[in-house]
Amino acid sequence: MNKTKVSPSVLAADFANFESAISLIDSSGASWVHMDVMDGSFVPNITFGSQLVSSLRPKTKAFMDVHLMTVQPGRFLNKFAEAGADSITFHYEAETHHQKYLAEIRTLGKKAGIAIVPSTPCSVLEEALPFLDIALIMTVNPGFGGQSLIPECIKKVEKLAKMREKAGLSFRISVDGGINEQTAKDALNAGADTLVMGSAFFNSNDQKRLISGFEVII
């Protein structure tokens, strides 16, 4: 089994002070940091690009988990790899040749991931599973932080965990959207091992306690 990782999302941070956000993530004990890249087309919001990843890379030793919510994400793989991403996840709905881009990400020396939105069944990933390092299940409709988790998405985590077990694979199952202390437990019980936390992390009064409560779980 994979060890549980919490990946605080800077989407919920103060955009005027990303360096402070990274420092808070590091001091909390979290070993991952999640970067939500939105283009205003695939999702109705715009965040940041590879330049922010490049700027923050020297500031942290955390695993930099980049999530591309963009149209034609294949165009950007090399840029984010060069910027210092440790993993690059693109959306199933945004590309056609999934195995091609997963292979390209791995060739760049990075962990390769695919994300699916709530309306996409996890069954579409079956043929791509052997090429995956991360499967990200969106538990809200992507585009904005601070949303409540869609409960039905937990069932998708269960299905994907069964698919992983049946195939004898070890890719990580990540959940992103509305993850807090309670919903995180539900996701973990369903088979997730990577928790993307935005508002719940940055609004917490004790980030160290929050992280330690999950990263020790196996």
C-alpha atoms as a PDB file:
ATOM      1  CA  MET A   1       0.000   0.000   0.000  1.00  0.00           C
ATOM      2  CA  ASN A   2       1.105   3.568  -0.658  1.00  0.00           C
ATOM      3  CA  LYS A   3       1.782   5.813   2.305  1.00  0.00           C
ATOM      4  CA  THR A   4      -0.738   8.603   2.672  1.00  0.00           C
ATOM      5  CA  LYS A   5       0.352  11.987   1.359  1.00  0.00           C
ATOM      6  CA  VAL A   6      -1.301  15.353   1.915  1.00  0.00           C
ATOM      7  CA  SER A   7      -0.769  17.805  -0.928  1.00  0.00           C
ATOM      8  CA  PRO A   8      -1.761  21.337   0.178  1.00  0.00           C
ATOM      9  CA  SER A   9      -3.047  23.327  -2.786  1.00  0.00           C
ATOM     10  CA  VAL A  10      -1.691  26.841  -3.242  1.00  0.00           C
ATOM     11  CA  LEU A  11      -4.960  27.643  -5.021  1.00  0.00           C
ATOM     12  CA  ALA A  12      -6.259  28.475  -1.528  1.00  0.00           C
ATOM     13  CA  ALA A  13      -3.204  30.555  -0.572  1.00  0.00           C
ATOM     14  CA  ASP A  14      -2.769  34.322  -0.631  1.00  0.00           C
ATOM     15  CA  PHE A  15      -1.839  34.996  -4.257  1.00  0.00           C
ATOM     16  CA  ALA A  16       0.117  38.056  -3.123  1.00  0.00           C
ATOM     17  CA  ASN A  17       2.473  35.901  -1.065  1.00  0.00           C
ATOM     18  CA  PHE A  18       3.113  32.456  -2.535  1.00  0.00           C
ATOM     19  CA  GLU A  19       6.521  32.244  -0.876  1.00  0.00           C
ATOM     20  CA  SER A  20       4.884  32.495   2.537  1.00  0.00           C
ATOM     21  CA  ALA A  21       2.425  29.766   1.534  1.00  0.00           C
ATOM     22  CA  ILE A  22       5.271  27.451   0.538  1.00  0.00           C
ATOM     23  CA  SER A  23       7.032  28.159   3.827  1.00  0.00           C
ATOM     24  CA  LEU A  24       3.842  27.274   5.733  1.00  0.00           C
ATOM     25  CA  ILE A  25       3.486  24.033   3.781  1.00  0.00           C
ATOM     26  CA  ASP A  26       7.088  23.075   4.522  1.00  0.00           C
ATOM     27  CA  SER A  27       6.796  23.893   8.222  1.00  0.00           C
ATOM     28  CA  SER A  28       3.612  21.836   8.496  1.00  0.00           C
ATOM     29  CA  GLY A  29       5.472  18.670   7.580  1.00  0.00           C
ATOM     30  CA  ALA A  30       3.602  18.125   4.315  1.00  0.00           C
ATOM     31  CA  SER A  31       5.851  16.450   1.772  1.00  0.00           C
ATOM     32  CA  TRP A  32       3.834  17.453  -1.308  1.00  0.00           C
ATOM     33  CA  VAL A  33       2.551  20.755  -2.687  1.00  0.00           C
ATOM     34  CA  HIS A  34      -0.277  20.900  -5.246  1.00  0.00           C
ATOM     35  CA  MET A  35      -0.237  23.433  -8.090  1.00  0.00           C
ATOM     36  CA  ASP A  36      -3.574  23.944  -9.872  1.00  0.00           C
ATOM     37  CA  VAL A  37      -2.929  25.416 -13.323  1.00  0.00           C
ATOM     38  CA  MET A  38      -6.139  26.832 -14.835  1.00  0.00           C
ATOM     39  CA  ASP A  39      -6.396  28.434 -18.264  1.00  0.00           C
ATOM     40  CA  GLY A  40      -9.849  30.047 -18.240  1.00  0.00           C
ATOM     41  CA  SER A  41     -10.935  27.732 -21.053  1.00  0.00           C
ATOM     42  CA  PHE A  42     -10.984  24.163 -19.757  1.00  0.00           C
ATOM     43  CA  VAL A  43     -12.246  25.641 -16.477  1.00  0.00           C
ATOM     44  CA  PRO A  44     -13.841  29.078 -15.844  1.00  0.00           C
ATOM     45  CA  ASN A  45     -10.879  30.549 -13.988  1.00  0.00           C
ATOM     46  CA  ILE A  46      -7.248  31.533 -14.552  1.00  0.00           C
ATOM     47  CA  THR A  47      -4.513  30.911 -12.002  1.00  0.00           C
ATOM     48  CA  PHE A  48      -0.830  30.736 -12.981  1.00  0.00           C
ATOM     49  CA  GLY A  49       1.636  29.042 -15.295  1.00  0.00           C
ATOM     50  CA  SER A  50       5.059  27.442 -15.355  1.00  0.00           C
ATOM     51  CA  GLN A  51       6.798  30.636 -14.235  1.00  0.00           C
ATOM     52  CA  LEU A  52       5.329  30.323 -10.741  1.00  0.00           C
ATOM     53  CA  VAL A  53       6.463  26.706 -10.539  1.00  0.00           C
ATOM     54  CA  SER A  54       9.951  27.798 -11.577  1.00  0.00           C
ATOM     55  CA  SER A  55       9.970  30.629  -9.028  1.00  0.00           C
ATOM     56  CA  LEU A  56       8.851  28.423  -6.142  1.00  0.00           C
ATOM     57  CA  ARG A  57      10.995  25.407  -6.996  1.00  0.00           C
ATOM     58  CA  PRO A  58      14.129  26.738  -5.212  1.00  0.00           C
ATOM     59  CA  LYS A  59      12.033  27.605  -2.146  1.00  0.00           C
ATOM     60  CA  THR A  60      11.004  24.060  -1.245  1.00  0.00           C
ATOM     61  CA  LYS A  61      12.141  20.464  -1.320  1.00  0.00           C
ATOM     62  CA  ALA A  62       8.523  19.261  -1.332  1.00  0.00           C
ATOM     63  CA  PHE A  63       7.275  17.071  -4.154  1.00  0.00           C
ATOM     64  CA  MET A  64       5.711  19.526  -6.610  1.00  0.00           C
ATOM     65  CA  ASP A  65       2.421  18.059  -7.817  1.00  0.00           C
ATOM     66  CA  VAL A  66       1.277  19.996 -10.926  1.00  0.00           C
ATOM     67  CA  HIS A  67      -2.328  19.598 -12.080  1.00  0.00           C
ATOM     68  CA  LEU A  68      -3.043  20.976 -15.546  1.00  0.00           C
ATOM     69  CA  MET A  69      -6.653  22.109 -15.965  1.00  0.00           C
ATOM     70  CA  THR A  70      -6.059  23.326 -19.499  1.00  0.00           C
ATOM     71  CA  VAL A  71      -7.093  22.573 -23.041  1.00  0.00           C
ATOM     72  CA  GLN A  72      -4.448  20.704 -25.038  1.00  0.00           C
ATOM     73  CA  PRO A  73      -2.184  20.160 -22.007  1.00  0.00           C
ATOM     74  CA  GLY A  74       0.271  18.221 -24.136  1.00  0.00           C
ATOM     75  CA  ARG A  75       1.608  21.578 -25.316  1.00  0.00           C
ATOM     76  CA  PHE A  76       2.848  22.420 -21.830  1.00  0.00           C
ATOM     77  CA  LEU A  77       4.460  19.231 -20.561  1.00  0.00           C
ATOM     78  CA  ASN A  78       8.014  20.211 -21.384  1.00  0.00           C
ATOM     79  CA  LYS A  79       7.619  23.701 -19.900  1.00  0.00           C
ATOM     80  CA  PHE A  80       6.401  22.420 -16.555  1.00  0.00           C
ATOM     81  CA  ALA A  81       9.012  19.681 -16.478  1.00  0.00           C
ATOM     82  CA  GLU A  82      11.728  22.285 -17.053  1.00  0.00           C
ATOM     83  CA  ALA A  83      10.166  24.518 -14.398  1.00  0.00           C
ATOM     84  CA  GLY A  84      10.699  21.834 -11.758  1.00  0.00           C
ATOM     85  CA  ALA A  85       7.468  19.874 -11.486  1.00  0.00           C
ATOM     86  CA  ASP A  86       7.886  16.416  -9.940  1.00  0.00           C
ATOM     87  CA  SER A  87       4.606  15.136 -11.326  1.00  0.00           C
ATOM     88  CA  ILE A  88       2.377  16.373 -14.112  1.00  0.00           C
ATOM     89  CA  THR A  89      -1.286  15.419 -14.255  1.00  0.00           C
ATOM     90  CA  PHE A  90      -3.500  16.311 -17.209  1.00  0.00           C
ATOM     91  CA  HIS A  91      -7.214  15.797 -17.737  1.00  0.00           C
ATOM     92  CA  TYR A  92      -8.607  12.791 -19.548  1.00  0.00           C
ATOM     93  CA  GLU A  93     -11.276  15.080 -21.001  1.00  0.00           C
ATOM     94  CA  ALA A  94      -8.694  17.480 -22.484  1.00  0.00           C
ATOM     95  CA  GLU A  95      -6.651  15.061 -24.615  1.00  0.00           C
ATOM     96  CA  THR A  96      -7.224  12.064 -26.870  1.00  0.00           C
ATOM     97  CA  HIS A  97      -3.882  10.240 -26.951  1.00  0.00           C
ATOM     98  CA  HIS A  98      -3.516   9.600 -23.237  1.00  0.00           C
ATOM     99  CA  GLN A  99      -0.844   6.916 -23.333  1.00  0.00           C
ATOM    100  CA  LYS A 100       1.305   9.090 -25.607  1.00  0.00           C
ATOM    101  CA  TYR A 101       1.357  11.966 -23.141  1.00  0.00           C
ATOM    102  CA  LEU A 102       1.795   9.740 -20.100  1.00  0.00           C
ATOM    103  CA  ALA A 103       4.840   8.239 -21.792  1.00  0.00           C
ATOM    104  CA  GLU A 104       6.148  11.705 -22.641  1.00  0.00           C
ATOM    105  CA  ILE A 105       5.847  12.838 -19.026  1.00  0.00           C
ATOM    106  CA  ARG A 106       7.775   9.796 -17.854  1.00  0.00           C
ATOM    107  CA  THR A 107      10.410  10.358 -20.532  1.00  0.00           C
ATOM    108  CA  LEU A 108      10.860  13.825 -19.045  1.00  0.00           C
ATOM    109  CA  GLY A 109      11.684  12.124 -15.751  1.00  0.00           C
ATOM    110  CA  LYS A 110       8.423  13.019 -14.010  1.00  0.00           C
ATOM    111  CA  LYS A 111       5.555  11.087 -12.463  1.00  0.00           C
ATOM    112  CA  ALA A 112       2.619  10.895 -14.877  1.00  0.00           C
ATOM    113  CA  GLY A 113      -1.009  11.414 -13.954  1.00  0.00           C
ATOM    114  CA  ILE A 114      -4.505  11.642 -15.397  1.00  0.00           C
ATOM    115  CA  ALA A 115      -7.406  13.492 -13.752  1.00  0.00           C
ATOM    116  CA  ILE A 116     -11.127  13.012 -14.319  1.00  0.00           C
ATOM    117  CA  VAL A 117     -13.991  15.395 -13.513  1.00  0.00           C
ATOM    118  CA  PRO A 118     -17.028  14.235 -11.474  1.00  0.00           C
ATOM    119  CA  SER A 119     -19.118  13.406 -14.553  1.00  0.00           C
ATOM    120  CA  THR A 120     -16.455  11.141 -16.071  1.00  0.00           C
ATOM    121  CA  PRO A 121     -16.596   7.480 -14.945  1.00  0.00           C
ATOM    122  CA  CYS A 122     -13.350   5.964 -13.718  1.00  0.00           C
ATOM    123  CA  SER A 123     -13.885   3.044 -16.116  1.00  0.00           C
ATOM    124  CA  VAL A 124     -12.515   5.198 -18.966  1.00  0.00           C
ATOM    125  CA  LEU A 125      -9.070   4.928 -17.376  1.00  0.00           C
ATOM    126  CA  GLU A 126      -8.847   1.137 -17.605  1.00  0.00           C
ATOM    127  CA  GLU A 127      -6.547   0.971 -20.628  1.00  0.00           C
ATOM    128  CA  ALA A 128      -4.311   3.742 -19.311  1.00  0.00           C
ATOM    129  CA  LEU A 129      -3.800   2.346 -15.797  1.00  0.00           C
ATOM    130  CA  PRO A 130      -0.512   0.522 -16.511  1.00  0.00           C
ATOM    131  CA  PHE A 131       0.992   3.817 -17.699  1.00  0.00           C
ATOM    132  CA  LEU A 132      -0.111   5.866 -14.677  1.00  0.00           C
ATOM    133  CA  ASP A 133       1.700   6.980 -11.557  1.00  0.00           C
ATOM    134  CA  ILE A 134      -1.230   9.077 -10.298  1.00  0.00           C
ATOM    135  CA  ALA A 135      -4.958   8.906 -10.957  1.00  0.00           C
ATOM    136  CA  LEU A 136      -6.686  12.055  -9.726  1.00  0.00           C
ATOM    137  CA  ILE A 137     -10.401  11.983  -9.037  1.00  0.00           C
ATOM    138  CA  MET A 138     -11.934  15.437  -8.902  1.00  0.00           C
ATOM    139  CA  THR A 139     -14.437  15.434  -6.048  1.00  0.00           C
ATOM    140  CA  VAL A 140     -15.844  18.825  -7.091  1.00  0.00           C
ATOM    141  CA  ASN A 141     -16.398  20.378 -10.493  1.00  0.00           C
ATOM    142  CA  PRO A 142     -13.027  22.000 -11.214  1.00  0.00           C
ATOM    143  CA  GLY A 143     -12.435  25.703 -11.538  1.00  0.00           C
ATOM    144  CA  PHE A 144     -12.793  27.164  -8.063  1.00  0.00           C
ATOM    145  CA  GLY A 145     -11.579  26.394  -4.561  1.00  0.00           C
ATOM    146  CA  GLY A 146     -13.715  26.232  -1.442  1.00  0.00           C
ATOM    147  CA  GLN A 147     -16.405  23.903  -2.818  1.00  0.00           C
ATOM    148  CA  SER A 148     -18.070  21.049  -0.945  1.00  0.00           C
ATOM    149  CA  LEU A 149     -17.168  17.487  -1.892  1.00  0.00           C
ATOM    150  CA  ILE A 150     -19.671  15.649  -4.090  1.00  0.00           C
ATOM    151  CA  PRO A 151     -20.394  12.471  -2.044  1.00  0.00           C
ATOM    152  CA  GLU A 152     -20.972  10.282  -5.102  1.00  0.00           C
ATOM    153  CA  CYS A 153     -17.323  10.797  -6.075  1.00  0.00           C
ATOM    154  CA  ILE A 154     -16.245   8.670  -3.118  1.00  0.00           C
ATOM    155  CA  LYS A 155     -17.884   5.719  -4.852  1.00  0.00           C
ATOM    156  CA  LYS A 156     -15.615   6.377  -7.835  1.00  0.00           C
ATOM    157  CA  VAL A 157     -12.608   6.146  -5.525  1.00  0.00           C
ATOM    158  CA  GLU A 158     -13.835   2.738  -4.356  1.00  0.00           C
ATOM    159  CA  LYS A 159     -14.270   1.550  -7.948  1.00  0.00           C
ATOM    160  CA  LEU A 160     -10.844   2.780  -8.977  1.00  0.00           C
ATOM    161  CA  ALA A 161      -9.203   1.174  -5.940  1.00  0.00           C
ATOM    162  CA  LYS A 162     -10.788  -2.153  -6.931  1.00  0.00           C
ATOM    163  CA  MET A 163      -9.541  -1.700 -10.498  1.00  0.00           C
ATOM    164  CA  ARG A 164      -6.039  -1.040  -9.165  1.00  0.00           C
ATOM    165  CA  GLU A 165      -6.110  -4.120  -6.960  1.00  0.00           C
ATOM    166  CA  LYS A 166      -7.470  -6.346  -9.722  1.00  0.00           C
ATOM    167  CA  ALA A 167      -4.730  -5.195 -12.100  1.00  0.00           C
ATOM    168  CA  GLY A 168      -2.005  -5.623  -9.469  1.00  0.00           C
ATOM    169  CA  LEU A 169      -0.856  -2.025  -9.899  1.00  0.00           C
ATOM    170  CA  SER A 170       0.428   0.557  -7.426  1.00  0.00           C
ATOM    171  CA  PHE A 171      -0.417   3.966  -8.897  1.00  0.00           C
ATOM    172  CA  ARG A 172      -1.531   6.587  -6.404  1.00  0.00           C
ATOM    173  CA  ILE A 173      -5.191   7.580  -6.125  1.00  0.00           C
ATOM    174  CA  SER A 174      -5.517  11.286  -5.460  1.00  0.00           C
ATOM    175  CA  VAL A 175      -8.671  13.184  -4.500  1.00  0.00           C
ATOM    176  CA  ASP A 176      -9.077  16.904  -5.085  1.00  0.00           C
ATOM    177  CA  GLY A 177     -11.974  19.122  -4.033  1.00  0.00           C
ATOM    178  CA  GLY A 178     -13.715  19.671  -0.714  1.00  0.00           C
ATOM    179  CA  ILE A 179     -11.164  17.605   1.192  1.00  0.00           C
ATOM    180  CA  ASN A 180     -11.140  18.349   4.923  1.00  0.00           C
ATOM    181  CA  GLU A 181     -10.534  16.265   8.036  1.00  0.00           C
ATOM    182  CA  GLN A 182     -13.841  14.399   7.734  1.00  0.00           C
ATOM    183  CA  THR A 183     -14.055  13.919   3.986  1.00  0.00           C
ATOM    184  CA  ALA A 184     -10.375  12.930   3.920  1.00  0.00           C
ATOM    185  CA  LYS A 185     -11.165   9.972   6.170  1.00  0.00           C
ATOM    186  CA  ASP A 186     -13.985   8.925   3.832  1.00  0.00           C
ATOM    187  CA  ALA A 187     -11.634   9.148   0.841  1.00  0.00           C
ATOM    188  CA  LEU A 188      -8.914   7.150   2.576  1.00  0.00           C
ATOM    189  CA  ASN A 189     -11.381   4.458   3.622  1.00  0.00           C
ATOM    190  CA  ALA A 190     -12.477   4.232  -0.017  1.00  0.00           C
ATOM    191  CA  GLY A 191      -8.909   3.626  -1.190  1.00  0.00           C
ATOM    192  CA  ALA A 192      -7.368   7.048  -1.840  1.00  0.00           C
ATOM    193  CA  ASP A 193      -3.818   7.667  -0.660  1.00  0.00           C
ATOM    194  CA  THR A 194      -3.191  11.256  -1.782  1.00  0.00           C
ATOM    195  CA  LEU A 195      -5.244  14.111  -0.352  1.00  0.00           C
ATOM    196  CA  VAL A 196      -5.264  17.501  -2.048  1.00  0.00           C
ATOM    197  CA  MET A 197      -6.263  20.081   0.572  1.00  0.00           C
ATOM    198  CA  GLY A 198      -6.812  23.745  -0.103  1.00  0.00           C
ATOM    199  CA  SER A 199      -9.071  25.758   2.181  1.00  0.00           C
ATOM    200  CA  ALA A 200      -8.993  23.128   4.934  1.00  0.00           C
ATOM    201  CA  PHE A 201      -5.216  23.448   5.115  1.00  0.00           C
ATOM    202  CA  PHE A 202      -4.810  27.210   4.893  1.00  0.00           C
ATOM    203  CA  ASN A 203      -7.769  27.923   7.196  1.00  0.00           C
ATOM    204  CA  SER A 204      -6.559  25.476   9.839  1.00  0.00           C
ATOM    205  CA  ASN A 205      -5.377  26.806  13.192  1.00  0.00           C
ATOM    206  CA  ASP A 206      -2.791  24.027  13.403  1.00  0.00           C
ATOM    207  CA  GLN A 207      -1.393  22.817  10.076  1.00  0.00           C
ATOM    208  CA  LYS A 208       1.189  20.556  11.751  1.00  0.00           C
ATOM    209  CA  ARG A 209      -1.510  18.654  13.617  1.00  0.00           C
ATOM    210  CA  LEU A 210      -3.617  18.426  10.461  1.00  0.00           C
ATOM    211  CA  ILE A 211      -0.789  16.939   8.410  1.00  0.00           C
ATOM    212  CA  SER A 212       0.468  14.596  11.115  1.00  0.00           C
ATOM    213  CA  GLY A 213      -3.028  13.191  11.468  1.00  0.00           C
ATOM    214  CA  PHE A 214      -2.896  11.852   7.922  1.00  0.00           C
ATOM    215  CA  GLU A 215       0.678  11.425   6.710  1.00  0.00           C
ATOM    216  CA  VAL A 216       1.317   8.780   9.365  1.00  0.00           C
ATOM    217  CA  ILE A 217      -1.612   6.709   8.107  1.00  0.00           C
ATOM    218  CA  ILE A 218      -0.643   3.813   5.833  1.00  0.00           C
END
